[in-house]
């Protein structure tokens, strides 16, 4: 549904359709840092 909404609103450009993938992987990067800092330590993050 999210991808369908992007397609309907912004068209068929490949970058538009892959925007959730970009946001998701950026979130993985940040969340890994946050969890590692909380659970293990600063240098572990």
ModelCIF file with pLDDT and N, C-alpha, C, O atoms, coordinates in Angstrom:
data_MODEL
#
_entry.id   MODEL 
#
_entity.id                         1 
_entity.type                       polymer 
_entity.pdbx_number_of_molecules   1 
#
_entity_poly.entity_id                      1 
_entity_poly.type                           'polypeptide(L)' 
_entity_poly.nstd_linkage                   no 
_entity_poly.nstd_monomer                   no 
_entity_poly.pdbx_seq_one_letter_code       
;(UNK)(UNK)(UNK)(UNK)(UNK)(UNK)(UNK)(UNK)(UNK)(UNK)(UNK)(UNK)(UNK)(UNK)(UNK)(UNK)
(UNK)(UNK)(UNK)(UNK)(UNK)(UNK)(UNK)(UNK)(UNK)(UNK)(UNK)(UNK)(UNK)(UNK)(UNK)(UNK)
(UNK)(UNK)(UNK)(UNK)(UNK)(UNK)(UNK)(UNK)(UNK)(UNK)(UNK)(UNK)(UNK)
;
_entity_poly.pdbx_seq_one_letter_code_can   XXXXXXXXXXXXXXXXXXXXXXXXXXXXXXXXXXXXXXXXXXXXX 
_entity_poly.pdbx_strand_id                 A 
#
loop_
_entity_poly_seq.entity_id 
_entity_poly_seq.num 
_entity_poly_seq.mon_id 
_entity_poly_seq.hetero 
1 1  UNK n 
1 2  UNK n 
1 3  UNK n 
1 4  UNK n 
1 5  UNK n 
1 6  UNK n 
1 7  UNK n 
1 8  UNK n 
1 9  UNK n 
1 10 UNK n 
1 11 UNK n 
1 12 UNK n 
1 13 UNK n 
1 14 UNK n 
1 15 UNK n 
1 16 UNK n 
1 17 UNK n 
1 18 UNK n 
1 19 UNK n 
1 20 UNK n 
1 21 UNK n 
1 22 UNK n 
1 23 UNK n 
1 24 UNK n 
1 25 UNK n 
1 26 UNK n 
1 27 UNK n 
1 28 UNK n 
1 29 UNK n 
1 30 UNK n 
1 31 UNK n 
1 32 UNK n 
1 33 UNK n 
1 34 UNK n 
1 35 UNK n 
1 36 UNK n 
1 37 UNK n 
1 38 UNK n 
1 39 UNK n 
1 40 UNK n 
1 41 UNK n 
1 42 UNK n 
1 43 UNK n 
1 44 UNK n 
1 45 UNK n 
#
_struct_asym.id          A 
_struct_asym.entity_id   1 
#
loop_
_ma_qa_metric.id 
_ma_qa_metric.mode 
_ma_qa_metric.name 
_ma_qa_metric.software_group_id 
_ma_qa_metric.type 
1 global pLDDT . pLDDT 
2 local  pLDDT . pLDDT 
#
_ma_qa_metric_global.metric_id      1 
_ma_qa_metric_global.metric_value   95.80 
_ma_qa_metric_global.model_id       1 
_ma_qa_metric_global.ordinal_id     1 
#
loop_
_ma_qa_metric_local.label_asym_id 
_ma_qa_metric_local.label_comp_id 
_ma_qa_metric_local.label_seq_id 
_ma_qa_metric_local.metric_id 
_ma_qa_metric_local.metric_value 
_ma_qa_metric_local.model_id 
_ma_qa_metric_local.ordinal_id 
A UNK 1  2 97.00 1 1  
A UNK 2  2 97.00 1 2  
A UNK 3  2 97.00 1 3  
A UNK 4  2 97.00 1 4  
A UNK 5  2 97.00 1 5  
A UNK 6  2 97.00 1 6  
A UNK 7  2 96.00 1 7  
A UNK 8  2 94.00 1 8  
A UNK 9  2 94.00 1 9  
A UNK 10 2 94.00 1 10 
A UNK 11 2 92.00 1 11 
A UNK 12 2 92.00 1 12 
A UNK 13 2 94.00 1 13 
A UNK 14 2 95.00 1 14 
A UNK 15 2 96.00 1 15 
A UNK 16 2 97.00 1 16 
A UNK 17 2 97.00 1 17 
A UNK 18 2 97.00 1 18 
A UNK 19 2 97.00 1 19 
A UNK 20 2 97.00 1 20 
A UNK 21 2 97.00 1 21 
A UNK 22 2 97.00 1 22 
A UNK 23 2 98.00 1 23 
A UNK 24 2 97.00 1 24 
A UNK 25 2 97.00 1 25 
A UNK 26 2 98.00 1 26 
A UNK 27 2 98.00 1 27 
A UNK 28 2 98.00 1 28 
A UNK 29 2 97.00 1 29 
A UNK 30 2 98.00 1 30 
A UNK 31 2 98.00 1 31 
A UNK 32 2 98.00 1 32 
A UNK 33 2 97.00 1 33 
A UNK 34 2 97.00 1 34 
A UNK 35 2 97.00 1 35 
A UNK 36 2 97.00 1 36 
A UNK 37 2 96.00 1 37 
A UNK 38 2 95.00 1 38 
A UNK 39 2 96.00 1 39 
A UNK 40 2 95.00 1 40 
A UNK 41 2 91.00 1 41 
A UNK 42 2 91.00 1 42 
A UNK 43 2 89.00 1 43 
A UNK 44 2 91.00 1 44 
A UNK 45 2 94.00 1 45 
#
loop_
_atom_site.group_PDB 
_atom_site.id 
_atom_site.type_symbol 
_atom_site.label_atom_id 
_atom_site.label_alt_id 
_atom_site.label_comp_id 
_atom_site.label_asym_id 
_atom_site.label_entity_id 
_atom_site.label_seq_id 
_atom_site.pdbx_PDB_ins_code 
_atom_site.Cartn_x 
_atom_site.Cartn_y 
_atom_site.Cartn_z 
_atom_site.occupancy 
_atom_site.B_iso_or_equiv 
_atom_site.pdbx_formal_charge 
_atom_site.auth_seq_id 
_atom_site.auth_comp_id 
_atom_site.auth_asym_id 
_atom_site.auth_atom_id 
_atom_site.pdbx_PDB_model_num 
ATOM 1   N N  . UNK A 1 1  ? 0.835  -1.215 0.000   1.00 97.00 ? 1  UNK A N  1 
ATOM 2   C CA . UNK A 1 1  ? 0.000  0.000  0.000   1.00 97.00 ? 1  UNK A CA 1 
ATOM 3   C C  . UNK A 1 1  ? 0.862  1.254  0.000   1.00 97.00 ? 1  UNK A C  1 
ATOM 4   O O  . UNK A 1 1  ? 0.531  2.236  -0.665  1.00 97.00 ? 1  UNK A O  1 
ATOM 5   N N  . UNK A 1 2  ? 1.952  1.228  0.732   1.00 97.00 ? 2  UNK A N  1 
ATOM 6   C CA . UNK A 1 2  ? 2.852  2.383  0.738   1.00 97.00 ? 2  UNK A CA 1 
ATOM 7   C C  . UNK A 1 2  ? 3.447  2.605  -0.650  1.00 97.00 ? 2  UNK A C  1 
ATOM 8   O O  . UNK A 1 2  ? 3.483  3.735  -1.138  1.00 97.00 ? 2  UNK A O  1 
ATOM 9   N N  . UNK A 1 3  ? 3.910  1.537  -1.281  1.00 97.00 ? 3  UNK A N  1 
ATOM 10  C CA . UNK A 1 3  ? 4.484  1.657  -2.625  1.00 97.00 ? 3  UNK A CA 1 
ATOM 11  C C  . UNK A 1 3  ? 3.421  2.090  -3.637  1.00 97.00 ? 3  UNK A C  1 
ATOM 12  O O  . UNK A 1 3  ? 3.700  2.889  -4.531  1.00 97.00 ? 3  UNK A O  1 
ATOM 13  N N  . UNK A 1 4  ? 2.217  1.566  -3.496  1.00 97.00 ? 4  UNK A N  1 
ATOM 14  C CA . UNK A 1 4  ? 1.117  1.952  -4.383  1.00 97.00 ? 4  UNK A CA 1 
ATOM 15  C C  . UNK A 1 4  ? 0.827  3.448  -4.249  1.00 97.00 ? 4  UNK A C  1 
ATOM 16  O O  . UNK A 1 4  ? 0.574  4.124  -5.246  1.00 97.00 ? 4  UNK A O  1 
ATOM 17  N N  . UNK A 1 5  ? 0.864  3.962  -3.022  1.00 97.00 ? 5  UNK A N  1 
ATOM 18  C CA . UNK A 1 5  ? 0.613  5.388  -2.792  1.00 97.00 ? 5  UNK A CA 1 
ATOM 19  C C  . UNK A 1 5  ? 1.687  6.237  -3.461  1.00 97.00 ? 5  UNK A C  1 
ATOM 20  O O  . UNK A 1 5  ? 1.380  7.251  -4.087  1.00 97.00 ? 5  UNK A O  1 
ATOM 21  N N  . UNK A 1 6  ? 2.959  5.820  -3.329  1.00 97.00 ? 6  UNK A N  1 
ATOM 22  C CA . UNK A 1 6  ? 4.055  6.559  -3.970  1.00 97.00 ? 6  UNK A CA 1 
ATOM 23  C C  . UNK A 1 6  ? 3.915  6.536  -5.486  1.00 97.00 ? 6  UNK A C  1 
ATOM 24  O O  . UNK A 1 6  ? 4.138  7.548  -6.149  1.00 97.00 ? 6  UNK A O  1 
ATOM 25  N N  . UNK A 1 7  ? 3.545  5.381  -6.034  1.00 96.00 ? 7  UNK A N  1 
ATOM 26  C CA . UNK A 1 7  ? 3.364  5.266  -7.485  1.00 96.00 ? 7  UNK A CA 1 
ATOM 27  C C  . UNK A 1 7  ? 2.246  6.186  -7.960  1.00 96.00 ? 7  UNK A C  1 
ATOM 28  O O  . UNK A 1 7  ? 2.374  6.857  -8.984  1.00 96.00 ? 7  UNK A O  1 
ATOM 29  N N  . UNK A 1 8  ? 1.158  6.209  -7.214  1.00 94.00 ? 8  UNK A N  1 
ATOM 30  C CA . UNK A 1 8  ? 0.006  7.034  -7.589  1.00 94.00 ? 8  UNK A CA 1 
ATOM 31  C C  . UNK A 1 8  ? 0.340  8.520  -7.484  1.00 94.00 ? 8  UNK A C  1 
ATOM 32  O O  . UNK A 1 8  ? -0.097 9.318  -8.313  1.00 94.00 ? 8  UNK A O  1 
ATOM 33  N N  . UNK A 1 9  ? 1.117  8.890  -6.460  1.00 94.00 ? 9  UNK A N  1 
ATOM 34  C CA . UNK A 1 9  ? 1.375  10.309 -6.206  1.00 94.00 ? 9  UNK A CA 1 
ATOM 35  C C  . UNK A 1 9  ? 2.511  10.868 -7.047  1.00 94.00 ? 9  UNK A C  1 
ATOM 36  O O  . UNK A 1 9  ? 2.455  12.021 -7.475  1.00 94.00 ? 9  UNK A O  1 
ATOM 37  N N  . UNK A 1 10 ? 3.562  10.050 -7.292  1.00 94.00 ? 10 UNK A N  1 
ATOM 38  C CA . UNK A 1 10 ? 4.778  10.607 -7.898  1.00 94.00 ? 10 UNK A CA 1 
ATOM 39  C C  . UNK A 1 10 ? 5.218  9.918  -9.189  1.00 94.00 ? 10 UNK A C  1 
ATOM 40  O O  . UNK A 1 10 ? 6.192  10.348 -9.806  1.00 94.00 ? 10 UNK A O  1 
ATOM 41  N N  . UNK A 1 11 ? 4.532  8.871  -9.607  1.00 92.00 ? 11 UNK A N  1 
ATOM 42  C CA . UNK A 1 11 ? 4.867  8.272  -10.883 1.00 92.00 ? 11 UNK A CA 1 
ATOM 43  C C  . UNK A 1 11 ? 5.801  7.079  -10.783 1.00 92.00 ? 11 UNK A C  1 
ATOM 44  O O  . UNK A 1 11 ? 6.023  6.534  -9.702  1.00 92.00 ? 11 UNK A O  1 
ATOM 45  N N  . UNK A 1 12 ? 6.352  6.677  -11.944 1.00 92.00 ? 12 UNK A N  1 
ATOM 46  C CA . UNK A 1 12 ? 7.035  5.391  -12.068 1.00 92.00 ? 12 UNK A CA 1 
ATOM 47  C C  . UNK A 1 12 ? 8.553  5.498  -11.929 1.00 92.00 ? 12 UNK A C  1 
ATOM 48  O O  . UNK A 1 12 ? 9.251  4.519  -12.193 1.00 92.00 ? 12 UNK A O  1 
ATOM 49  N N  . UNK A 1 13 ? 9.077  6.628  -11.532 1.00 94.00 ? 13 UNK A N  1 
ATOM 50  C CA . UNK A 1 13 ? 10.522 6.772  -11.407 1.00 94.00 ? 13 UNK A CA 1 
ATOM 51  C C  . UNK A 1 13 ? 11.084 5.744  -10.419 1.00 94.00 ? 13 UNK A C  1 
ATOM 52  O O  . UNK A 1 13 ? 10.518 5.517  -9.349  1.00 94.00 ? 13 UNK A O  1 
ATOM 53  N N  . UNK A 1 14 ? 12.212 5.127  -10.803 1.00 95.00 ? 14 UNK A N  1 
ATOM 54  C CA . UNK A 1 14 ? 12.800 4.072  -9.968  1.00 95.00 ? 14 UNK A CA 1 
ATOM 55  C C  . UNK A 1 14 ? 13.163 4.577  -8.581  1.00 95.00 ? 14 UNK A C  1 
ATOM 56  O O  . UNK A 1 14 ? 12.997 3.850  -7.601  1.00 95.00 ? 14 UNK A O  1 
ATOM 57  N N  . UNK A 1 15 ? 13.649 5.791  -8.478  1.00 96.00 ? 15 UNK A N  1 
ATOM 58  C CA . UNK A 1 15 ? 14.043 6.318  -7.166  1.00 96.00 ? 15 UNK A CA 1 
ATOM 59  C C  . UNK A 1 15 ? 12.826 6.487  -6.250  1.00 96.00 ? 15 UNK A C  1 
ATOM 60  O O  . UNK A 1 15 ? 12.910 6.255  -5.044  1.00 96.00 ? 15 UNK A O  1 
ATOM 61  N N  . UNK A 1 16 ? 11.720 6.885  -6.824  1.00 97.00 ? 16 UNK A N  1 
ATOM 62  C CA . UNK A 1 16 ? 10.503 7.038  -6.029  1.00 97.00 ? 16 UNK A CA 1 
ATOM 63  C C  . UNK A 1 16 ? 10.073 5.694  -5.461  1.00 97.00 ? 16 UNK A C  1 
ATOM 64  O O  . UNK A 1 16 ? 9.773  5.588  -4.271  1.00 97.00 ? 16 UNK A O  1 
ATOM 65  N N  . UNK A 1 17 ? 10.041 4.668  -6.307  1.00 97.00 ? 17 UNK A N  1 
ATOM 66  C CA . UNK A 1 17 ? 9.601  3.354  -5.859  1.00 97.00 ? 17 UNK A CA 1 
ATOM 67  C C  . UNK A 1 17 ? 10.561 2.747  -4.832  1.00 97.00 ? 17 UNK A C  1 
ATOM 68  O O  . UNK A 1 17 ? 10.155 1.927  -4.008  1.00 97.00 ? 17 UNK A O  1 
ATOM 69  N N  . UNK A 1 18 ? 11.819 3.148  -4.884  1.00 97.00 ? 18 UNK A N  1 
ATOM 70  C CA . UNK A 1 18 ? 12.794 2.597  -3.944  1.00 97.00 ? 18 UNK A CA 1 
ATOM 71  C C  . UNK A 1 18 ? 13.009 3.491  -2.721  1.00 97.00 ? 18 UNK A C  1 
ATOM 72  O O  . UNK A 1 18 ? 13.892 3.220  -1.907  1.00 97.00 ? 18 UNK A O  1 
ATOM 73  N N  . UNK A 1 19 ? 12.224 4.534  -2.588  1.00 97.00 ? 19 UNK A N  1 
ATOM 74  C CA . UNK A 1 19 ? 12.383 5.433  -1.451  1.00 97.00 ? 19 UNK A CA 1 
ATOM 75  C C  . UNK A 1 19 ? 12.171 4.721  -0.109  1.00 97.00 ? 19 UNK A C  1 
ATOM 76  O O  . UNK A 1 19 ? 12.952 4.957  0.813   1.00 97.00 ? 19 UNK A O  1 
ATOM 77  N N  . UNK A 1 20 ? 11.148 3.854  0.047   1.00 97.00 ? 20 UNK A N  1 
ATOM 78  C CA . UNK A 1 20 ? 11.021 3.125  1.317   1.00 97.00 ? 20 UNK A CA 1 
ATOM 79  C C  . UNK A 1 20 ? 12.246 2.273  1.635   1.00 97.00 ? 20 UNK A C  1 
ATOM 80  O O  . UNK A 1 20 ? 12.595 2.106  2.803   1.00 97.00 ? 20 UNK A O  1 
ATOM 81  N N  . UNK A 1 21 ? 12.900 1.734  0.610   1.00 97.00 ? 21 UNK A N  1 
ATOM 82  C CA . UNK A 1 21 ? 14.119 0.948  0.853   1.00 97.00 ? 21 UNK A CA 1 
ATOM 83  C C  . UNK A 1 21 ? 15.232 1.831  1.399   1.00 97.00 ? 21 UNK A C  1 
ATOM 84  O O  . UNK A 1 21 ? 15.963 1.423  2.301   1.00 97.00 ? 21 UNK A O  1 
ATOM 85  N N  . UNK A 1 22 ? 15.365 3.037  0.859   1.00 97.00 ? 22 UNK A N  1 
ATOM 86  C CA . UNK A 1 22 ? 16.375 3.968  1.360   1.00 97.00 ? 22 UNK A CA 1 
ATOM 87  C C  . UNK A 1 22 ? 16.082 4.345  2.808   1.00 97.00 ? 22 UNK A C  1 
ATOM 88  O O  . UNK A 1 22 ? 16.973 4.292  3.656   1.00 97.00 ? 22 UNK A O  1 
ATOM 89  N N  . UNK A 1 23 ? 14.850 4.721  3.089   1.00 98.00 ? 23 UNK A N  1 
ATOM 90  C CA . UNK A 1 23 ? 14.490 5.109  4.454   1.00 98.00 ? 23 UNK A CA 1 
ATOM 91  C C  . UNK A 1 23 ? 14.695 3.932  5.407   1.00 98.00 ? 23 UNK A C  1 
ATOM 92  O O  . UNK A 1 23 ? 15.178 4.113  6.525   1.00 98.00 ? 23 UNK A O  1 
ATOM 93  N N  . UNK A 1 24 ? 14.331 2.737  4.968   1.00 97.00 ? 24 UNK A N  1 
ATOM 94  C CA . UNK A 1 24 ? 14.487 1.559  5.810   1.00 97.00 ? 24 UNK A CA 1 
ATOM 95  C C  . UNK A 1 24 ? 15.931 1.275  6.153   1.00 97.00 ? 24 UNK A C  1 
ATOM 96  O O  . UNK A 1 24 ? 16.247 1.006  7.311   1.00 97.00 ? 24 UNK A O  1 
ATOM 97  N N  . UNK A 1 25 ? 16.820 1.329  5.168   1.00 97.00 ? 25 UNK A N  1 
ATOM 98  C CA . UNK A 1 25 ? 18.225 1.027  5.431   1.00 97.00 ? 25 UNK A CA 1 
ATOM 99  C C  . UNK A 1 25 ? 18.907 2.137  6.227   1.00 97.00 ? 25 UNK A C  1 
ATOM 100 O O  . UNK A 1 25 ? 19.784 1.855  7.043   1.00 97.00 ? 25 UNK A O  1 
ATOM 101 N N  . UNK A 1 26 ? 18.523 3.381  6.006   1.00 98.00 ? 26 UNK A N  1 
ATOM 102 C CA . UNK A 1 26 ? 19.043 4.453  6.863   1.00 98.00 ? 26 UNK A CA 1 
ATOM 103 C C  . UNK A 1 26 ? 18.606 4.232  8.305   1.00 98.00 ? 26 UNK A C  1 
ATOM 104 O O  . UNK A 1 26 ? 19.374 4.470  9.237   1.00 98.00 ? 26 UNK A O  1 
ATOM 105 N N  . UNK A 1 27 ? 17.374 3.778  8.485   1.00 98.00 ? 27 UNK A N  1 
ATOM 106 C CA . UNK A 1 27 ? 16.891 3.474  9.834   1.00 98.00 ? 27 UNK A CA 1 
ATOM 107 C C  . UNK A 1 27 ? 17.679 2.323  10.448  1.00 98.00 ? 27 UNK A C  1 
ATOM 108 O O  . UNK A 1 27 ? 17.986 2.350  11.640  1.00 98.00 ? 27 UNK A O  1 
ATOM 109 N N  . UNK A 1 28 ? 18.009 1.308  9.644   1.00 98.00 ? 28 UNK A N  1 
ATOM 110 C CA . UNK A 1 28 ? 18.822 0.184  10.144  1.00 98.00 ? 28 UNK A CA 1 
ATOM 111 C C  . UNK A 1 28 ? 20.166 0.693  10.651  1.00 98.00 ? 28 UNK A C  1 
ATOM 112 O O  . UNK A 1 28 ? 20.642 0.270  11.705  1.00 98.00 ? 28 UNK A O  1 
ATOM 113 N N  . UNK A 1 29 ? 20.770 1.595  9.898   1.00 97.00 ? 29 UNK A N  1 
ATOM 114 C CA . UNK A 1 29 ? 22.060 2.158  10.283  1.00 97.00 ? 29 UNK A CA 1 
ATOM 115 C C  . UNK A 1 29 ? 21.953 2.877  11.627  1.00 97.00 ? 29 UNK A C  1 
ATOM 116 O O  . UNK A 1 29 ? 22.772 2.659  12.520  1.00 97.00 ? 29 UNK A O  1 
ATOM 117 N N  . UNK A 1 30 ? 20.945 3.732  11.766  1.00 98.00 ? 30 UNK A N  1 
ATOM 118 C CA . UNK A 1 30 ? 20.790 4.530  12.992  1.00 98.00 ? 30 UNK A CA 1 
ATOM 119 C C  . UNK A 1 30 ? 20.374 3.655  14.170  1.00 98.00 ? 30 UNK A C  1 
ATOM 120 O O  . UNK A 1 30 ? 20.914 3.798  15.268  1.00 98.00 ? 30 UNK A O  1 
ATOM 121 N N  . UNK A 1 31 ? 19.426 2.757  13.954  1.00 98.00 ? 31 UNK A N  1 
ATOM 122 C CA . UNK A 1 31 ? 18.942 1.909  15.042  1.00 98.00 ? 31 UNK A CA 1 
ATOM 123 C C  . UNK A 1 31 ? 20.033 0.963  15.541  1.00 98.00 ? 31 UNK A C  1 
ATOM 124 O O  . UNK A 1 31 ? 20.098 0.661  16.733  1.00 98.00 ? 31 UNK A O  1 
ATOM 125 N N  . UNK A 1 32 ? 20.877 0.504  14.643  1.00 98.00 ? 32 UNK A N  1 
ATOM 126 C CA . UNK A 1 32 ? 22.006 -0.327 15.078  1.00 98.00 ? 32 UNK A CA 1 
ATOM 127 C C  . UNK A 1 32 ? 22.898 0.449  16.032  1.00 98.00 ? 32 UNK A C  1 
ATOM 128 O O  . UNK A 1 32 ? 23.319 -0.081 17.061  1.00 98.00 ? 32 UNK A O  1 
ATOM 129 N N  . UNK A 1 33 ? 23.190 1.706  15.696  1.00 97.00 ? 33 UNK A N  1 
ATOM 130 C CA . UNK A 1 33 ? 24.015 2.540  16.570  1.00 97.00 ? 33 UNK A CA 1 
ATOM 131 C C  . UNK A 1 33 ? 23.353 2.748  17.921  1.00 97.00 ? 33 UNK A C  1 
ATOM 132 O O  . UNK A 1 33 ? 24.016 2.659  18.954  1.00 97.00 ? 33 UNK A O  1 
ATOM 133 N N  . UNK A 1 34 ? 22.051 3.026  17.927  1.00 97.00 ? 34 UNK A N  1 
ATOM 134 C CA . UNK A 1 34 ? 21.336 3.281  19.177  1.00 97.00 ? 34 UNK A CA 1 
ATOM 135 C C  . UNK A 1 34 ? 21.307 2.031  20.055  1.00 97.00 ? 34 UNK A C  1 
ATOM 136 O O  . UNK A 1 34 ? 21.593 2.105  21.250  1.00 97.00 ? 34 UNK A O  1 
ATOM 137 N N  . UNK A 1 35 ? 20.965 0.888  19.470  1.00 97.00 ? 35 UNK A N  1 
ATOM 138 C CA . UNK A 1 35 ? 20.873 -0.348 20.254  1.00 97.00 ? 35 UNK A CA 1 
ATOM 139 C C  . UNK A 1 35 ? 22.237 -0.766 20.771  1.00 97.00 ? 35 UNK A C  1 
ATOM 140 O O  . UNK A 1 35 ? 22.367 -1.168 21.927  1.00 97.00 ? 35 UNK A O  1 
ATOM 141 N N  . UNK A 1 36 ? 23.263 -0.676 19.919  1.00 97.00 ? 36 UNK A N  1 
ATOM 142 C CA . UNK A 1 36 ? 24.615 -1.058 20.355  1.00 97.00 ? 36 UNK A CA 1 
ATOM 143 C C  . UNK A 1 36 ? 25.079 -0.167 21.501  1.00 97.00 ? 36 UNK A C  1 
ATOM 144 O O  . UNK A 1 36 ? 25.708 -0.646 22.444  1.00 97.00 ? 36 UNK A O  1 
ATOM 145 N N  . UNK A 1 37 ? 24.776 1.118  21.425  1.00 96.00 ? 37 UNK A N  1 
ATOM 146 C CA . UNK A 1 37 ? 25.173 2.041  22.501  1.00 96.00 ? 37 UNK A CA 1 
ATOM 147 C C  . UNK A 1 37 ? 24.456 1.698  23.798  1.00 96.00 ? 37 UNK A C  1 
ATOM 148 O O  . UNK A 1 37 ? 25.068 1.723  24.866  1.00 96.00 ? 37 UNK A O  1 
ATOM 149 N N  . UNK A 1 38 ? 23.165 1.378  23.721  1.00 95.00 ? 38 UNK A N  1 
ATOM 150 C CA . UNK A 1 38 ? 22.397 1.066  24.925  1.00 95.00 ? 38 UNK A CA 1 
ATOM 151 C C  . UNK A 1 38 ? 22.769 -0.296 25.496  1.00 95.00 ? 38 UNK A C  1 
ATOM 152 O O  . UNK A 1 38 ? 22.874 -0.451 26.713  1.00 95.00 ? 38 UNK A O  1 
ATOM 153 N N  . UNK A 1 39 ? 22.968 -1.277 24.632  1.00 96.00 ? 39 UNK A N  1 
ATOM 154 C CA . UNK A 1 39 ? 23.143 -2.646 25.110  1.00 96.00 ? 39 UNK A CA 1 
ATOM 155 C C  . UNK A 1 39 ? 24.597 -3.017 25.370  1.00 96.00 ? 39 UNK A C  1 
ATOM 156 O O  . UNK A 1 39 ? 24.867 -3.861 26.225  1.00 96.00 ? 39 UNK A O  1 
ATOM 157 N N  . UNK A 1 40 ? 25.547 -2.402 24.650  1.00 95.00 ? 40 UNK A N  1 
ATOM 158 C CA . UNK A 1 40 ? 26.941 -2.851 24.737  1.00 95.00 ? 40 UNK A CA 1 
ATOM 159 C C  . UNK A 1 40 ? 27.869 -1.737 25.205  1.00 95.00 ? 40 UNK A C  1 
ATOM 160 O O  . UNK A 1 40 ? 28.560 -1.889 26.213  1.00 95.00 ? 40 UNK A O  1 
ATOM 161 N N  . UNK A 1 41 ? 27.892 -0.623 24.486  1.00 91.00 ? 41 UNK A N  1 
ATOM 162 C CA . UNK A 1 41 ? 28.786 0.460  24.878  1.00 91.00 ? 41 UNK A CA 1 
ATOM 163 C C  . UNK A 1 41 ? 29.055 1.404  23.726  1.00 91.00 ? 41 UNK A C  1 
ATOM 164 O O  . UNK A 1 41 ? 28.626 1.157  22.599  1.00 91.00 ? 41 UNK A O  1 
ATOM 165 N N  . UNK A 1 42 ? 29.777 2.504  24.010  1.00 91.00 ? 42 UNK A N  1 
ATOM 166 C CA . UNK A 1 42 ? 29.991 3.554  23.004  1.00 91.00 ? 42 UNK A CA 1 
ATOM 167 C C  . UNK A 1 42 ? 30.848 3.070  21.844  1.00 91.00 ? 42 UNK A C  1 
ATOM 168 O O  . UNK A 1 42 ? 30.479 3.250  20.683  1.00 91.00 ? 42 UNK A O  1 
ATOM 169 N N  . UNK A 1 43 ? 31.999 2.450  22.150  1.00 89.00 ? 43 UNK A N  1 
ATOM 170 C CA . UNK A 1 43 ? 32.855 1.995  21.060  1.00 89.00 ? 43 UNK A CA 1 
ATOM 171 C C  . UNK A 1 43 ? 32.225 0.825  20.307  1.00 89.00 ? 43 UNK A C  1 
ATOM 172 O O  . UNK A 1 43 ? 32.445 0.662  19.107  1.00 89.00 ? 43 UNK A O  1 
ATOM 173 N N  . UNK A 1 44 ? 31.450 0.021  21.011  1.00 91.00 ? 44 UNK A N  1 
ATOM 174 C CA . UNK A 1 44 ? 30.743 -1.069 20.341  1.00 91.00 ? 44 UNK A CA 1 
ATOM 175 C C  . UNK A 1 44 ? 29.760 -0.513 19.311  1.00 91.00 ? 44 UNK A C  1 
ATOM 176 O O  . UNK A 1 44 ? 29.561 -1.110 18.253  1.00 91.00 ? 44 UNK A O  1 
ATOM 177 N N  . UNK A 1 45 ? 29.145 0.633  19.622  1.00 94.00 ? 45 UNK A N  1 
ATOM 178 C CA . UNK A 1 45 ? 28.240 1.261  18.660  1.00 94.00 ? 45 UNK A CA 1 
ATOM 179 C C  . UNK A 1 45 ? 28.975 1.651  17.386  1.00 94.00 ? 45 UNK A C  1 
ATOM 180 O O  . UNK A 1 45 ? 28.366 2.193  16.464  1.00 94.00 ? 45 UNK A O  1 
#
